[in-house]
Amino acid sequence: MNTKAGLLVLGLIAGGLVGYVTRPQSAEINLPGLNIQITGEGRAEAGGEITSDQWQHIGIFAAIGAIIGLGAGVVVGRR
């Protein structure tokens, strides 16, 4: 595997882990015709289901990590 791809994958995984650890405390209630999402200011605790807002948080961090990893791969590849 070349350096760019390796650092891209590493950044994606690292970003996803950081996003998972720092995901906000959130609760989601789904009733027919009514979806309620409540987000707290604290960090989520272990256990429970991951809500759609938390998945979005994790995805954003994973994307940022992938971009940083790809950038690092390009820099390392030029040397």
PDB file of N, CA and C in Angstrom:
ATOM      1  N   MET A   1       0.861  -1.167   0.000  1.00  0.00           N
ATOM      2  CA  MET A   1       0.000   0.000   0.000  1.00  0.00           C
ATOM      3  C   MET A   1       0.912   1.235   0.000  1.00  0.00           C
ATOM      4  N   ASN A   2       0.572   2.210  -0.800  1.00  0.00           N
ATOM      5  CA  ASN A   2       1.404   3.404  -0.848  1.00  0.00           C
ATOM      6  C   ASN A   2       1.142   4.312   0.351  1.00  0.00           C
ATOM      7  N   THR A   3       1.998   5.311   0.501  1.00  0.00           N
ATOM      8  CA  THR A   3       1.960   6.179   1.675  1.00  0.00           C
ATOM      9  C   THR A   3       0.664   6.983   1.758  1.00  0.00           C
ATOM     10  N   LYS A   4       0.208   7.515   0.634  1.00  0.00           N
ATOM     11  CA  LYS A   4      -1.019   8.326   0.645  1.00  0.00           C
ATOM     12  C   LYS A   4      -2.217   7.518   1.135  1.00  0.00           C
ATOM     13  N   ALA A   5      -2.385   6.331   0.588  1.00  0.00           N
ATOM     14  CA  ALA A   5      -3.525   5.496   0.962  1.00  0.00           C
ATOM     15  C   ALA A   5      -3.423   5.050   2.420  1.00  0.00           C
ATOM     16  N   GLY A   6      -2.224   4.712   2.846  1.00  0.00           N
ATOM     17  CA  GLY A   6      -2.039   4.277   4.233  1.00  0.00           C
ATOM     18  C   GLY A   6      -2.367   5.379   5.227  1.00  0.00           C
ATOM     19  N   LEU A   7      -1.881   6.591   4.963  1.00  0.00           N
ATOM     20  CA  LEU A   7      -2.165   7.693   5.866  1.00  0.00           C
ATOM     21  C   LEU A   7      -3.622   8.148   5.768  1.00  0.00           C
ATOM     22  N   LEU A   8      -4.232   7.989   4.600  1.00  0.00           N
ATOM     23  CA  LEU A   8      -5.650   8.296   4.450  1.00  0.00           C
ATOM     24  C   LEU A   8      -6.477   7.372   5.341  1.00  0.00           C
ATOM     25  N   VAL A   9      -6.200   6.083   5.299  1.00  0.00           N
ATOM     26  CA  VAL A   9      -6.927   5.106   6.116  1.00  0.00           C
ATOM     27  C   VAL A   9      -6.650   5.351   7.601  1.00  0.00           C
ATOM     28  N   LEU A  10      -5.393   5.619   7.937  1.00  0.00           N
ATOM     29  CA  LEU A  10      -5.040   5.894   9.327  1.00  0.00           C
ATOM     30  C   LEU A  10      -5.766   7.142   9.843  1.00  0.00           C
ATOM     31  N   GLY A  11      -5.811   8.190   9.026  1.00  0.00           N
ATOM     32  CA  GLY A  11      -6.529   9.403   9.410  1.00  0.00           C
ATOM     33  C   GLY A  11      -8.023   9.168   9.543  1.00  0.00           C
ATOM     34  N   LEU A  12      -8.587   8.370   8.666  1.00  0.00           N
ATOM     35  CA  LEU A  12     -10.016   8.040   8.719  1.00  0.00           C
ATOM     36  C   LEU A  12     -10.350   7.300  10.014  1.00  0.00           C
ATOM     37  N   ILE A  13      -9.532   6.329  10.357  1.00  0.00           N
ATOM     38  CA  ILE A  13      -9.764   5.559  11.584  1.00  0.00           C
ATOM     39  C   ILE A  13      -9.556   6.434  12.813  1.00  0.00           C
ATOM     40  N   ALA A  14      -8.474   7.211  12.829  1.00  0.00           N
ATOM     41  CA  ALA A  14      -8.200   8.074  13.979  1.00  0.00           C
ATOM     42  C   ALA A  14      -9.303   9.114  14.149  1.00  0.00           C
ATOM     43  N   GLY A  15      -9.747   9.717  13.052  1.00  0.00           N
ATOM     44  CA  GLY A  15     -10.827  10.697  13.124  1.00  0.00           C
ATOM     45  C   GLY A  15     -12.123  10.084  13.610  1.00  0.00           C
ATOM     46  N   GLY A  16     -12.420   8.886  13.149  1.00  0.00           N
ATOM     47  CA  GLY A  16     -13.622   8.191  13.614  1.00  0.00           C
ATOM     48  C   GLY A  16     -13.576   7.878  15.094  1.00  0.00           C
ATOM     49  N   LEU A  17     -12.409   7.464  15.576  1.00  0.00           N
ATOM     50  CA  LEU A  17     -12.271   7.183  17.011  1.00  0.00           C
ATOM     51  C   LEU A  17     -12.398   8.450  17.850  1.00  0.00           C
ATOM     52  N   VAL A  18     -11.781   9.534  17.385  1.00  0.00           N
ATOM     53  CA  VAL A  18     -11.901  10.802  18.114  1.00  0.00           C
ATOM     54  C   VAL A  18     -13.357  11.265  18.107  1.00  0.00           C
ATOM     55  N   GLY A  19     -14.036  11.136  16.980  1.00  0.00           N
ATOM     56  CA  GLY A  19     -15.442  11.507  16.905  1.00  0.00           C
ATOM     57  C   GLY A  19     -16.309  10.669  17.822  1.00  0.00           C
ATOM     58  N   TYR A  20     -16.005   9.368  17.925  1.00  0.00           N
ATOM     59  CA  TYR A  20     -16.771   8.486  18.800  1.00  0.00           C
ATOM     60  C   TYR A  20     -16.575   8.854  20.264  1.00  0.00           C
ATOM     61  N   VAL A  21     -15.338   9.145  20.631  1.00  0.00           N
ATOM     62  CA  VAL A  21     -15.035   9.463  22.029  1.00  0.00           C
ATOM     63  C   VAL A  21     -15.618  10.818  22.425  1.00  0.00           C
ATOM     64  N   THR A  22     -15.664  11.767  21.499  1.00  0.00           N
ATOM     65  CA  THR A  22     -16.114  13.120  21.826  1.00  0.00           C
ATOM     66  C   THR A  22     -17.562  13.382  21.413  1.00  0.00           C
ATOM     67  N   ARG A  23     -18.297  12.355  21.027  1.00  0.00           N
ATOM     68  CA  ARG A  23     -19.675  12.572  20.570  1.00  0.00           C
ATOM     69  C   ARG A  23     -20.511  13.198  21.687  1.00  0.00           C
ATOM     70  N   PRO A  24     -21.428  14.085  21.317  1.00  0.00           N
ATOM     71  CA  PRO A  24     -22.229  14.759  22.341  1.00  0.00           C
ATOM     72  C   PRO A  24     -23.291  13.828  22.924  1.00  0.00           C
ATOM     73  N   GLN A  25     -23.689  14.132  24.133  1.00  0.00           N
ATOM     74  CA  GLN A  25     -24.757  13.376  24.773  1.00  0.00           C
ATOM     75  C   GLN A  25     -26.049  13.696  24.035  1.00  0.00           C
ATOM     76  N   SER A  26     -26.778  12.680  23.630  1.00  0.00           N
ATOM     77  CA  SER A  26     -27.949  12.915  22.808  1.00  0.00           C
ATOM     78  C   SER A  26     -28.980  11.822  23.055  1.00  0.00           C
ATOM     79  N   ALA A  27     -30.229  12.198  22.903  1.00  0.00           N
ATOM     80  CA  ALA A  27     -31.332  11.244  23.001  1.00  0.00           C
ATOM     81  C   ALA A  27     -32.252  11.469  21.808  1.00  0.00           C
ATOM     82  N   GLU A  28     -32.820  10.393  21.312  1.00  0.00           N
ATOM     83  CA  GLU A  28     -33.684  10.479  20.145  1.00  0.00           C
ATOM     84  C   GLU A  28     -34.958   9.685  20.417  1.00  0.00           C
ATOM     85  N   ILE A  29     -36.100  10.324  20.215  1.00  0.00           N
ATOM     86  CA  ILE A  29     -37.394   9.676  20.407  1.00  0.00           C
ATOM     87  C   ILE A  29     -38.112   9.677  19.065  1.00  0.00           C
ATOM     88  N   ASN A  30     -38.456   8.493  18.580  1.00  0.00           N
ATOM     89  CA  ASN A  30     -39.137   8.362  17.299  1.00  0.00           C
ATOM     90  C   ASN A  30     -40.533   7.806  17.518  1.00  0.00           C
ATOM     91  N   LEU A  31     -41.531   8.616  17.227  1.00  0.00           N
ATOM     92  CA  LEU A  31     -42.923   8.204  17.259  1.00  0.00           C
ATOM     93  C   LEU A  31     -43.502   8.426  15.872  1.00  0.00           C
ATOM     94  N   PRO A  32     -44.558   7.745  15.533  1.00  0.00           N
ATOM     95  CA  PRO A  32     -45.156   7.967  14.212  1.00  0.00           C
ATOM     96  C   PRO A  32     -45.515   9.441  14.012  1.00  0.00           C
ATOM     97  N   GLY A  33     -44.874  10.054  13.027  1.00  0.00           N
ATOM     98  CA  GLY A  33     -45.134  11.463  12.716  1.00  0.00           C
ATOM     99  C   GLY A  33     -44.393  12.448  13.597  1.00  0.00           C
ATOM    100  N   LEU A  34     -43.549  11.972  14.510  1.00  0.00           N
ATOM    101  CA  LEU A  34     -42.863  12.872  15.428  1.00  0.00           C
ATOM    102  C   LEU A  34     -41.471  12.333  15.745  1.00  0.00           C
ATOM    103  N   ASN A  35     -40.454  13.114  15.428  1.00  0.00           N
ATOM    104  CA  ASN A  35     -39.074  12.760  15.760  1.00  0.00           C
ATOM    105  C   ASN A  35     -38.507  13.854  16.651  1.00  0.00           C
ATOM    106  N   ILE A  36     -38.071  13.484  17.840  1.00  0.00           N
ATOM    107  CA  ILE A  36     -37.523  14.448  18.787  1.00  0.00           C
ATOM    108  C   ILE A  36     -36.078  14.062  19.078  1.00  0.00           C
ATOM    109  N   GLN A  37     -35.170  15.026  18.926  1.00  0.00           N
ATOM    110  CA  GLN A  37     -33.767  14.809  19.254  1.00  0.00           C
ATOM    111  C   GLN A  37     -33.340  15.848  20.272  1.00  0.00           C
ATOM    112  N   ILE A  38     -32.754  15.385  21.360  1.00  0.00           N
ATOM    113  CA  ILE A  38     -32.294  16.268  22.421  1.00  0.00           C
ATOM    114  C   ILE A  38     -30.794  16.073  22.564  1.00  0.00           C
ATOM    115  N   THR A  39     -30.031  17.161  22.500  1.00  0.00           N
ATOM    116  CA  THR A  39     -28.585  17.094  22.614  1.00  0.00           C
ATOM    117  C   THR A  39     -28.140  17.882  23.829  1.00  0.00           C
ATOM    118  N   GLY A  40     -27.378  17.234  24.688  1.00  0.00           N
ATOM    119  CA  GLY A  40     -26.838  17.895  25.868  1.00  0.00           C
ATOM    120  C   GLY A  40     -25.463  18.455  25.586  1.00  0.00           C
ATOM    121  N   GLU A  41     -24.920  19.121  26.584  1.00  0.00           N
ATOM    122  CA  GLU A  41     -23.605  19.721  26.420  1.00  0.00           C
ATOM    123  C   GLU A  41     -22.477  18.789  26.829  1.00  0.00           C
ATOM    124  N   GLY A  42     -22.786  17.742  27.558  1.00  0.00           N
ATOM    125  CA  GLY A  42     -21.751  16.833  28.042  1.00  0.00           C
ATOM    126  C   GLY A  42     -21.373  15.804  26.993  1.00  0.00           C
ATOM    127  N   ARG A  43     -20.348  15.040  27.323  1.00  0.00           N
ATOM    128  CA  ARG A  43     -19.877  13.963  26.474  1.00  0.00           C
ATOM    129  C   ARG A  43     -20.739  12.734  26.739  1.00  0.00           C
ATOM    130  N   ALA A  44     -21.041  11.975  25.701  1.00  0.00           N
ATOM    131  CA  ALA A  44     -21.884  10.787  25.853  1.00  0.00           C
ATOM    132  C   ALA A  44     -21.153   9.717  26.648  1.00  0.00           C
ATOM    133  N   GLU A  45     -21.916   8.961  27.397  1.00  0.00           N
ATOM    134  CA  GLU A  45     -21.342   7.881  28.179  1.00  0.00           C
ATOM    135  C   GLU A  45     -21.478   6.571  27.411  1.00  0.00           C
ATOM    136  N   ALA A  46     -20.759   5.576  27.847  1.00  0.00           N
ATOM    137  CA  ALA A  46     -20.775   4.270  27.181  1.00  0.00           C
ATOM    138  C   ALA A  46     -22.153   3.639  27.286  1.00  0.00           C
ATOM    139  N   GLY A  47     -22.482   2.854  26.307  1.00  0.00           N
ATOM    140  CA  GLY A  47     -23.761   2.152  26.307  1.00  0.00           C
ATOM    141  C   GLY A  47     -24.832   2.941  25.578  1.00  0.00           C
ATOM    142  N   GLY A  48     -25.902   2.303  25.279  1.00  0.00           N
ATOM    143  CA  GLY A  48     -27.003   2.956  24.582  1.00  0.00           C
ATOM    144  C   GLY A  48     -26.768   2.998  23.085  1.00  0.00           C
ATOM    145  N   GLU A  49     -27.828   3.330  22.382  1.00  0.00           N
ATOM    146  CA  GLU A  49     -27.738   3.415  20.932  1.00  0.00           C
ATOM    147  C   GLU A  49     -27.145   4.747  20.507  1.00  0.00           C
ATOM    148  N   ILE A  50     -26.517   4.750  19.348  1.00  0.00           N
ATOM    149  CA  ILE A  50     -25.951   5.981  18.797  1.00  0.00           C
ATOM    150  C   ILE A  50     -27.033   6.634  17.938  1.00  0.00           C
ATOM    151  N   THR A  51     -27.318   7.901  18.220  1.00  0.00           N
ATOM    152  CA  THR A  51     -28.365   8.612  17.485  1.00  0.00           C
ATOM    153  C   THR A  51     -27.815   9.137  16.165  1.00  0.00           C
ATOM    154  N   SER A  52     -28.698   9.628  15.307  1.00  0.00           N
ATOM    155  CA  SER A  52     -28.272  10.135  14.002  1.00  0.00           C
ATOM    156  C   SER A  52     -27.381  11.363  14.137  1.00  0.00           C
ATOM    157  N   ASP A  53     -27.638  12.219  15.123  1.00  0.00           N
ATOM    158  CA  ASP A  53     -26.756  13.366  15.348  1.00  0.00           C
ATOM    159  C   ASP A  53     -25.364  12.913  15.757  1.00  0.00           C
ATOM    160  N   GLN A  54     -25.284  11.870  16.560  1.00  0.00           N
ATOM    161  CA  GLN A  54     -23.982  11.360  16.965  1.00  0.00           C
ATOM    162  C   GLN A  54     -23.248  10.733  15.784  1.00  0.00           C
ATOM    163  N   TRP A  55     -23.977  10.030  14.913  1.00  0.00           N
ATOM    164  CA  TRP A  55     -23.345   9.470  13.709  1.00  0.00           C
ATOM    165  C   TRP A  55     -22.815  10.588  12.823  1.00  0.00           C
ATOM    166  N   GLN A  56     -23.562  11.667  12.723  1.00  0.00           N
ATOM    167  CA  GLN A  56     -23.111  12.805  11.929  1.00  0.00           C
ATOM    168  C   GLN A  56     -21.831  13.393  12.531  1.00  0.00           C
ATOM    169  N   HIS A  57     -21.772  13.507  13.847  1.00  0.00           N
ATOM    170  CA  HIS A  57     -20.584  14.006  14.545  1.00  0.00           C
ATOM    171  C   HIS A  57     -19.383  13.108  14.256  1.00  0.00           C
ATOM    172  N   ILE A  58     -19.577  11.807  14.360  1.00  0.00           N
ATOM    173  CA  ILE A  58     -18.500  10.857  14.110  1.00  0.00           C
ATOM    174  C   ILE A  58     -18.044  10.941  12.654  1.00  0.00           C
ATOM    175  N   GLY A  59     -18.990  11.055  11.724  1.00  0.00           N
ATOM    176  CA  GLY A  59     -18.659  11.156  10.303  1.00  0.00           C
ATOM    177  C   GLY A  59     -17.864  12.404   9.959  1.00  0.00           C
ATOM    178  N   ILE A  60     -18.227  13.520  10.572  1.00  0.00           N
ATOM    179  CA  ILE A  60     -17.498  14.765  10.328  1.00  0.00           C
ATOM    180  C   ILE A  60     -16.059  14.629  10.811  1.00  0.00           C
ATOM    181  N   PHE A  61     -15.870  14.076  11.999  1.00  0.00           N
ATOM    182  CA  PHE A  61     -14.514  13.901  12.523  1.00  0.00           C
ATOM    183  C   PHE A  61     -13.719  12.916  11.673  1.00  0.00           C
ATOM    184  N   ALA A  62     -14.369  11.862  11.185  1.00  0.00           N
ATOM    185  CA  ALA A  62     -13.690  10.893  10.328  1.00  0.00           C
ATOM    186  C   ALA A  62     -13.266  11.545   9.008  1.00  0.00           C
ATOM    187  N   ALA A  63     -14.128  12.383   8.442  1.00  0.00           N
ATOM    188  CA  ALA A  63     -13.785  13.068   7.197  1.00  0.00           C
ATOM    189  C   ALA A  63     -12.625  14.038   7.405  1.00  0.00           C
ATOM    190  N   ILE A  64     -12.637  14.765   8.508  1.00  0.00           N
ATOM    191  CA  ILE A  64     -11.536  15.675   8.805  1.00  0.00           C
ATOM    192  C   ILE A  64     -10.236  14.895   8.984  1.00  0.00           C
ATOM    193  N   GLY A  65     -10.288  13.781   9.691  1.00  0.00           N
ATOM    194  CA  GLY A  65      -9.109  12.937   9.864  1.00  0.00           C
ATOM    195  C   GLY A  65      -8.595  12.398   8.539  1.00  0.00           C
ATOM    196  N   ALA A  66      -9.512  12.007   7.652  1.00  0.00           N
ATOM    197  CA  ALA A  66      -9.106  11.503   6.338  1.00  0.00           C
ATOM    198  C   ALA A  66      -8.436  12.590   5.514  1.00  0.00           C
ATOM    199  N   ILE A  67      -8.956  13.805   5.567  1.00  0.00           N
ATOM    200  CA  ILE A  67      -8.343  14.919   4.824  1.00  0.00           C
ATOM    201  C   ILE A  67      -6.950  15.218   5.364  1.00  0.00           C
ATOM    202  N   ILE A  68      -6.812  15.227   6.681  1.00  0.00           N
ATOM    203  CA  ILE A  68      -5.493  15.468   7.283  1.00  0.00           C
ATOM    204  C   ILE A  68      -4.533  14.333   6.914  1.00  0.00           C
ATOM    205  N   GLY A  69      -5.003  13.093   6.963  1.00  0.00           N
ATOM    206  CA  GLY A  69      -4.160  11.958   6.593  1.00  0.00           C
ATOM    207  C   GLY A  69      -3.742  12.000   5.142  1.00  0.00           C
ATOM    208  N   LEU A  70      -4.649  12.365   4.258  1.00  0.00           N
ATOM    209  CA  LEU A  70      -4.311  12.468   2.839  1.00  0.00           C
ATOM    210  C   LEU A  70      -3.302  13.590   2.612  1.00  0.00           C
ATOM    211  N   GLY A  71      -3.507  14.725   3.294  1.00  0.00           N
ATOM    212  CA  GLY A  71      -2.544  15.828   3.187  1.00  0.00           C
ATOM    213  C   GLY A  71      -1.171  15.424   3.674  1.00  0.00           C
ATOM    214  N   ALA A  72      -1.115  14.696   4.779  1.00  0.00           N
ATOM    215  CA  ALA A  72       0.168  14.214   5.289  1.00  0.00           C
ATOM    216  C   ALA A  72       0.799  13.227   4.302  1.00  0.00           C
ATOM    217  N   GLY A  73      -0.017  12.406   3.660  1.00  0.00           N
ATOM    218  CA  GLY A  73       0.493  11.468   2.667  1.00  0.00           C
ATOM    219  C   GLY A  73       1.082  12.162   1.458  1.00  0.00           C
ATOM    220  N   VAL A  74       0.451  13.242   1.037  1.00  0.00           N
ATOM    221  CA  VAL A  74       0.975  14.002  -0.106  1.00  0.00           C
ATOM    222  C   VAL A  74       2.305  14.642   0.280  1.00  0.00           C
ATOM    223  N   VAL A  75       2.378  15.215   1.489  1.00  0.00           N
ATOM    224  CA  VAL A  75       3.624  15.849   1.935  1.00  0.00           C
ATOM    225  C   VAL A  75       4.741  14.816   2.042  1.00  0.00           C
ATOM    226  N   VAL A  76       4.460  13.673   2.640  1.00  0.00           N
ATOM    227  CA  VAL A  76       5.473  12.641   2.798  1.00  0.00           C
ATOM    228  C   VAL A  76       5.864  12.059   1.432  1.00  0.00           C
ATOM    229  N   GLY A  77       4.921  11.944   0.526  1.00  0.00           N
ATOM    230  CA  GLY A  77       5.190  11.405  -0.790  1.00  0.00           C
ATOM    231  C   GLY A  77       6.077  12.291  -1.652  1.00  0.00           C
ATOM    232  N   ARG A  78       6.092  13.550  -1.391  1.00  0.00           N
ATOM    233  CA  ARG A  78       6.919  14.466  -2.183  1.00  0.00           C
ATOM    234  C   ARG A  78       8.382  14.433  -1.769  1.00  0.00           C
ATOM    235  N   ARG A  79       8.670  13.900  -0.607  1.00  0.00           N
ATOM    236  CA  ARG A  79      10.059  13.864  -0.137  1.00  0.00           C
ATOM    237  C   ARG A  79      10.809  12.699  -0.717  1.00  0.00           C
TER     238      ARG A  79
END
